Amino acid sequence: MIPHLHRRSNRGYTLVEALVAGVVLMIGISAASQLSLTLITQDEVNQRSATALNYLETVARLYQGGLDEADIRLIVPDDPVVTNLTITPSTPAVTGLGDMEAATISVTFKPVPSTKTWTAHSWTAGHKDATRTSTVVAYRSSLSRTIQ
């Protein structure tokens, strides 16, 4: 018999192999946690943007329904996401229809709820003072004011 064939191999992992495996594992965990934080932050930004756009659409529909600015401000509750609501009336001439009532409605909102600035500045829209503005022009017939 050949003596080296009956020998068992008791070889394990060396310290260097274990350290390299640990470093690779830590890099993977770090990347996953950073991705998770980014996804949560982006989800909150999306929710706040959707809330502001819903607020804008509600104000535009109320305007189109014939309500004036004072009534709209009484009906629509304050929202912590929205920092400013502007309603600017106008009377544009529309071809084939004549003069119509219109209003440019703008909503300014904070996409991020943070109260402090992160020093690394690497989050999307992560600055505490960041704001966004959405604007829409709403038209209404002069008849909508007579149906009150």
Protein backbone atom coordinates (compact mmCIF):
# COMPACT_ATOMS: atom_id res chain seq x y z
CA MET A 1 0.00 0.00 0.00
CA ILE A 2 0.95 3.54 -0.63
CA PRO A 3 1.17 5.35 2.72
CA HIS A 4 0.16 8.82 1.49
CA LEU A 5 -3.25 7.64 0.23
CA HIS A 6 -4.49 6.68 3.71
CA ARG A 7 -3.58 9.98 5.26
CA ARG A 8 -6.43 12.30 6.21
CA SER A 9 -6.27 15.94 5.37
CA ASN A 10 -6.71 18.10 8.48
CA ARG A 11 -6.20 21.33 6.61
CA GLY A 12 -8.46 24.24 7.77
CA TYR A 13 -8.65 27.89 6.89
CA THR A 14 -5.66 30.06 7.54
CA LEU A 15 -5.94 33.31 9.46
CA VAL A 16 -5.43 35.35 6.28
CA GLU A 17 -8.24 33.49 4.49
CA ALA A 18 -10.58 34.07 7.41
CA LEU A 19 -9.70 37.79 7.52
CA VAL A 20 -10.25 38.20 3.78
CA ALA A 21 -13.62 36.43 4.02
CA GLY A 22 -14.58 38.70 6.93
CA VAL A 23 -13.62 41.84 5.01
CA VAL A 24 -15.60 40.74 1.94
CA LEU A 25 -18.60 40.00 4.17
CA MET A 26 -18.36 43.43 5.87
CA ILE A 27 -18.15 45.22 2.50
CA GLY A 28 -21.32 43.43 1.41
CA ILE A 29 -23.17 44.29 4.63
CA SER A 30 -22.05 47.92 4.41
CA ALA A 31 -23.24 48.22 0.80
CA ALA A 32 -26.60 46.63 1.66
CA SER A 33 -27.16 48.99 4.59
CA GLN A 34 -26.27 52.05 2.49
CA LEU A 35 -28.64 50.87 -0.24
CA SER A 36 -31.37 50.37 2.35
CA LEU A 37 -30.87 53.88 3.74
CA THR A 38 -30.95 55.38 0.25
CA LEU A 39 -34.16 53.50 -0.64
CA ILE A 40 -35.89 54.60 2.56
CA THR A 41 -34.86 58.23 1.99
CA GLN A 42 -36.02 58.17 -1.63
CA ASP A 43 -39.33 56.58 -0.63
CA GLU A 44 -39.97 59.39 1.85
CA VAL A 45 -39.09 62.02 -0.77
CA ASN A 46 -41.56 60.36 -3.17
CA GLN A 47 -44.32 60.26 -0.55
CA ARG A 48 -43.86 63.92 0.31
CA SER A 49 -43.84 64.89 -3.38
CA ALA A 50 -47.05 62.91 -3.99
CA THR A 51 -48.69 64.62 -1.00
CA ALA A 52 -47.77 68.07 -2.36
CA LEU A 53 -49.03 67.21 -5.87
CA ASN A 54 -52.29 65.91 -4.41
CA TYR A 55 -52.63 69.18 -2.48
CA LEU A 56 -52.02 71.14 -5.70
CA GLU A 57 -54.60 69.11 -7.63
CA THR A 58 -57.19 69.56 -4.86
CA VAL A 59 -56.74 73.33 -4.91
CA ALA A 60 -56.97 73.40 -8.72
CA ARG A 61 -60.20 71.34 -8.71
CA LEU A 62 -61.76 73.62 -6.09
CA TYR A 63 -60.81 76.64 -8.19
CA GLN A 64 -62.34 75.04 -11.28
CA GLY A 65 -65.47 74.35 -9.25
CA GLY A 66 -66.00 78.07 -8.78
CA LEU A 67 -64.54 78.76 -5.33
CA ASP A 68 -62.47 81.86 -4.73
CA GLU A 69 -59.07 81.91 -3.03
CA ALA A 70 -60.42 82.73 0.46
CA ASP A 71 -62.89 79.81 0.36
CA ILE A 72 -60.24 77.43 -0.95
CA ARG A 73 -57.88 78.35 1.90
CA LEU A 74 -60.70 77.70 4.39
CA ILE A 75 -61.56 74.30 2.92
CA VAL A 76 -58.08 72.90 2.29
CA PRO A 77 -56.34 72.16 5.60
CA ASP A 78 -52.75 73.12 6.26
CA ASP A 79 -50.29 70.39 5.40
CA PRO A 80 -46.87 70.11 7.07
CA VAL A 81 -45.29 69.18 3.73
CA VAL A 82 -46.54 72.33 1.96
CA THR A 83 -44.70 75.51 2.91
CA ASN A 84 -46.45 77.93 0.53
CA LEU A 85 -49.57 78.08 -1.64
CA THR A 86 -49.92 80.81 -4.27
CA ILE A 87 -53.03 81.43 -6.37
CA THR A 88 -52.62 84.11 -9.03
CA PRO A 89 -55.84 84.84 -11.00
CA SER A 90 -55.82 86.00 -14.61
CA THR A 91 -58.20 86.36 -17.56
CA PRO A 92 -56.55 84.98 -20.70
CA ALA A 93 -58.19 85.11 -24.11
CA VAL A 94 -58.71 81.59 -25.45
CA THR A 95 -59.17 81.24 -29.21
CA GLY A 96 -62.73 80.34 -30.03
CA LEU A 97 -63.92 80.76 -26.45
CA GLY A 98 -63.11 84.36 -25.63
CA ASP A 99 -61.95 85.46 -22.21
CA MET A 100 -61.83 82.77 -19.52
CA GLU A 101 -61.01 82.85 -15.87
CA ALA A 102 -57.75 81.17 -14.99
CA ALA A 103 -55.37 80.94 -12.07
CA THR A 104 -51.75 79.96 -11.84
CA ILE A 105 -51.53 77.81 -8.73
CA SER A 106 -48.15 77.05 -7.17
CA VAL A 107 -47.29 74.83 -4.25
CA THR A 108 -43.87 74.98 -2.60
CA PHE A 109 -42.97 72.00 -0.44
CA LYS A 110 -40.12 70.40 1.45
CA PRO A 111 -39.23 67.02 -0.06
CA VAL A 112 -37.13 66.06 2.96
CA PRO A 113 -38.31 66.21 6.58
CA SER A 114 -34.80 66.63 7.97
CA THR A 115 -34.09 69.41 10.43
CA LYS A 116 -30.32 69.13 10.19
CA THR A 117 -27.90 68.97 7.29
CA TRP A 118 -25.89 65.79 6.88
CA THR A 119 -22.23 66.71 6.66
CA ALA A 120 -21.38 64.30 3.84
CA HIS A 121 -24.04 65.87 1.54
CA SER A 122 -24.46 62.65 -0.38
CA TRP A 123 -28.21 62.03 0.00
CA THR A 124 -30.47 63.02 -2.89
CA ALA A 125 -32.30 66.22 -1.91
CA GLY A 126 -31.06 65.62 1.62
CA HIS A 127 -30.36 69.22 2.56
CA LYS A 128 -32.67 70.47 5.32
CA ASP A 129 -33.52 73.67 3.41
CA ALA A 130 -34.28 72.02 0.05
CA THR A 131 -37.64 72.99 -1.46
CA ARG A 132 -39.45 72.16 -4.67
CA THR A 133 -42.23 74.06 -6.43
CA SER A 134 -44.95 72.64 -8.66
CA THR A 135 -47.20 74.89 -10.71
CA VAL A 136 -50.39 74.34 -12.70
CA VAL A 137 -52.71 76.68 -14.61
CA ALA A 138 -56.39 75.96 -13.91
CA TYR A 139 -59.10 77.28 -16.22
CA ARG A 140 -62.76 77.64 -15.40
CA SER A 141 -65.87 78.85 -17.12
CA SER A 142 -67.52 82.00 -15.90
CA LEU A 143 -70.62 79.82 -15.44
CA SER A 144 -68.96 77.94 -12.57
CA ARG A 145 -69.16 81.10 -10.44
CA THR A 146 -72.94 81.34 -10.85
CA ILE A 147 -73.62 77.86 -9.43
CA GLN A 148 -72.94 78.71 -5.77
